[in-house]
Amino acid sequence: MRRAIRVLFVFLCASLAQASTVAAHDPAIEAKATPTQAPQRISYDEYRRDELEFLAKRSRIALFSTSAAAAVGVALVTPALVNECVRIASSSSFDDVRCSATGRTLLGVGVPFLVAGVVGIIISGTMFGVRKGRIRRLEDRIAYEKASVIRWDPARTAFVF
């Protein structure tokens, strides 16, 4: 068994080594690897803004997804309560609700969708709002720093505030 494991390991190492040498001599990959111009360095604030925009996009997708789940829950619960369930008045303070088999099934599937969707809407909506607020504050700070920096204007040959 150990011999088979060693043979498999050697085979994997050899195939990886060959794949790397083939990739190193591929002219298409070499053309992509050599940049035509030097990459532009971005500041931390710009990096953070890009990261927050990515996270806000994910929160927006989560908000739409949980809204769809809540809509499915409403679509399943509404006909169950309207058509398949009957409220029976009792002498106690609580009314008794009797449902058919179809109504119980619709409620059993629809209520979890509805509850999970509503909770997801609350959570993802809050996350989306917080992230969009952080993006706005960060963009304001970036704009303020660019506006308040002293820089040389070659057209006027003077420092500009």
Protein backbone atom coordinates (compact mmCIF):
# COMPACT_ATOMS: atom_id res chain seq x y z
CA MET A 1 0.00 0.00 0.00
CA ARG A 2 2.82 2.38 0.85
CA ARG A 3 4.43 1.67 -2.48
CA ALA A 4 1.23 2.63 -4.30
CA ILE A 5 1.03 5.89 -2.36
CA ARG A 6 4.66 6.69 -3.24
CA VAL A 7 4.05 5.95 -6.92
CA LEU A 8 0.95 8.16 -6.89
CA PHE A 9 2.86 10.96 -5.16
CA VAL A 10 5.73 10.79 -7.68
CA PHE A 11 3.25 10.77 -10.55
CA LEU A 12 1.47 13.87 -9.20
CA CYS A 13 4.76 15.72 -8.69
CA ALA A 14 5.94 14.86 -12.19
CA SER A 15 2.68 15.98 -13.79
CA LEU A 16 2.75 19.27 -11.86
CA ALA A 17 6.35 19.88 -12.88
CA GLN A 18 5.55 19.23 -16.52
CA ALA A 19 2.49 21.48 -16.39
CA SER A 20 4.57 24.32 -14.97
CA THR A 21 7.27 23.95 -17.65
CA VAL A 22 4.65 23.89 -20.41
CA ALA A 23 3.02 27.00 -18.98
CA ALA A 24 6.39 28.75 -18.72
CA HIS A 25 7.09 28.27 -22.44
CA ASP A 26 3.62 29.17 -23.68
CA PRO A 27 3.87 32.48 -25.64
CA ALA A 28 0.24 33.39 -24.91
CA ILE A 29 0.86 33.24 -21.19
CA GLU A 30 4.13 35.17 -21.53
CA ALA A 31 2.31 37.90 -23.46
CA LYS A 32 -0.24 38.21 -20.67
CA ALA A 33 2.44 38.16 -17.98
CA THR A 34 4.36 41.16 -19.34
CA PRO A 35 2.38 44.33 -18.63
CA THR A 36 2.43 47.12 -21.18
CA GLN A 37 2.56 49.79 -18.51
CA ALA A 38 3.42 49.91 -14.84
CA PRO A 39 0.48 49.06 -12.57
CA GLN A 40 -1.04 52.05 -10.84
CA ARG A 41 -0.77 52.02 -7.07
CA ILE A 42 -3.98 52.73 -5.25
CA SER A 43 -4.31 54.21 -1.82
CA TYR A 44 -5.72 52.37 1.16
CA ASP A 45 -8.91 54.42 1.02
CA GLU A 46 -9.52 53.44 -2.61
CA TYR A 47 -8.82 49.80 -1.76
CA ARG A 48 -11.24 50.00 1.17
CA ARG A 49 -13.90 51.63 -1.03
CA ASP A 50 -13.59 48.80 -3.58
CA GLU A 51 -13.89 46.26 -0.79
CA LEU A 52 -16.95 47.98 0.68
CA GLU A 53 -18.59 48.18 -2.76
CA PHE A 54 -18.07 44.43 -3.18
CA LEU A 55 -19.59 43.76 0.26
CA ALA A 56 -22.49 46.12 -0.47
CA LYS A 57 -23.17 44.24 -3.71
CA ARG A 58 -23.30 40.96 -1.77
CA SER A 59 -25.65 42.53 0.79
CA ARG A 60 -27.92 43.76 -2.01
CA ILE A 61 -28.04 40.25 -3.49
CA ALA A 62 -28.87 38.85 -0.05
CA LEU A 63 -31.62 41.44 0.36
CA PHE A 64 -33.18 40.48 -2.98
CA SER A 65 -32.88 36.76 -2.21
CA THR A 66 -34.50 37.01 1.19
CA SER A 67 -37.24 39.20 -0.26
CA ALA A 68 -37.95 36.46 -2.81
CA ALA A 69 -38.09 33.87 0.00
CA ALA A 70 -40.55 36.04 1.92
CA ALA A 71 -42.67 36.47 -1.21
CA VAL A 72 -42.77 32.69 -1.70
CA GLY A 73 -43.80 32.31 1.95
CA VAL A 74 -46.62 34.83 1.53
CA ALA A 75 -47.72 33.10 -1.68
CA LEU A 76 -47.97 29.78 0.18
CA VAL A 77 -49.45 31.01 3.47
CA THR A 78 -52.16 33.28 2.02
CA PRO A 79 -54.17 30.61 0.14
CA ALA A 80 -53.80 28.25 3.08
CA LEU A 81 -55.31 30.75 5.49
CA VAL A 82 -57.98 32.00 3.08
CA ASN A 83 -59.19 28.79 1.41
CA GLU A 84 -58.00 25.79 3.39
CA CYS A 85 -58.36 26.81 7.03
CA VAL A 86 -61.52 27.55 9.01
CA ARG A 87 -61.70 29.45 12.28
CA ILE A 88 -64.04 27.92 14.84
CA ALA A 89 -65.23 30.11 17.69
CA SER A 90 -64.97 28.51 21.09
CA SER A 91 -66.18 29.43 24.53
CA SER A 92 -62.62 30.06 25.72
CA SER A 93 -60.71 33.20 24.81
CA PHE A 94 -58.85 31.42 21.99
CA ASP A 95 -60.39 30.57 18.64
CA ASP A 96 -59.67 27.16 17.20
CA VAL A 97 -58.28 26.97 13.64
CA ARG A 98 -58.90 23.78 11.70
CA CYS A 99 -57.06 23.20 8.43
CA SER A 100 -57.37 20.56 5.74
CA ALA A 101 -54.37 18.43 4.78
CA THR A 102 -53.57 20.83 1.94
CA GLY A 103 -53.75 23.81 4.31
CA ARG A 104 -51.45 22.16 6.84
CA THR A 105 -48.96 21.36 4.09
CA LEU A 106 -49.03 24.89 2.71
CA LEU A 107 -48.61 26.34 6.20
CA GLY A 108 -45.83 23.88 7.04
CA VAL A 109 -43.84 24.92 3.99
CA GLY A 110 -44.85 28.59 3.76
CA VAL A 111 -44.35 29.71 7.36
CA PRO A 112 -40.62 28.82 7.48
CA PHE A 113 -40.09 30.60 4.16
CA LEU A 114 -41.97 33.64 5.44
CA VAL A 115 -40.18 33.80 8.80
CA ALA A 116 -36.73 33.21 7.31
CA GLY A 117 -37.40 35.76 4.58
CA VAL A 118 -38.53 38.47 7.00
CA VAL A 119 -35.57 37.88 9.33
CA GLY A 120 -33.22 37.88 6.33
CA ILE A 121 -34.73 41.12 5.03
CA ILE A 122 -34.15 42.81 8.37
CA ILE A 123 -30.57 41.59 8.71
CA SER A 124 -29.42 42.06 5.11
CA GLY A 125 -31.20 45.42 4.81
CA THR A 126 -29.39 46.66 7.90
CA MET A 127 -26.05 45.38 6.59
CA PHE A 128 -26.67 46.97 3.20
CA GLY A 129 -27.53 50.33 4.76
CA VAL A 130 -24.48 50.31 7.03
CA ARG A 131 -22.14 49.44 4.17
CA LYS A 132 -23.60 52.11 1.88
CA GLY A 133 -23.20 54.64 4.69
CA ARG A 134 -19.55 53.66 5.12
CA ILE A 135 -19.00 54.05 1.38
CA ARG A 136 -20.54 57.54 1.44
CA ARG A 137 -18.41 58.63 4.39
CA LEU A 138 -15.26 57.19 2.80
CA GLU A 139 -15.96 58.94 -0.51
CA ASP A 140 -16.53 62.21 1.33
CA ARG A 141 -13.21 61.77 3.14
CA ILE A 142 -11.39 60.96 -0.13
CA ALA A 143 -12.92 64.03 -1.81
CA TYR A 144 -11.98 66.24 1.16
CA GLU A 145 -8.40 64.97 1.19
CA LYS A 146 -8.02 65.55 -2.55
CA ALA A 147 -9.49 69.05 -2.24
CA SER A 148 -7.45 70.07 0.79
CA VAL A 149 -4.05 68.87 -0.41
CA ILE A 150 -1.58 71.46 -1.59
CA ARG A 151 -0.31 70.59 -5.06
CA TRP A 152 1.73 72.10 -7.86
CA ASP A 153 -0.21 73.35 -10.88
CA PRO A 154 2.07 73.44 -13.92
CA ALA A 155 -0.34 75.62 -15.91
CA ARG A 156 -0.17 78.44 -13.32
CA THR A 157 3.34 77.56 -12.18
CA ALA A 158 2.19 77.93 -8.61
CA PHE A 159 0.98 75.93 -5.64
CA VAL A 160 -2.77 75.34 -5.57
CA PHE A 161 -4.78 74.60 -2.47
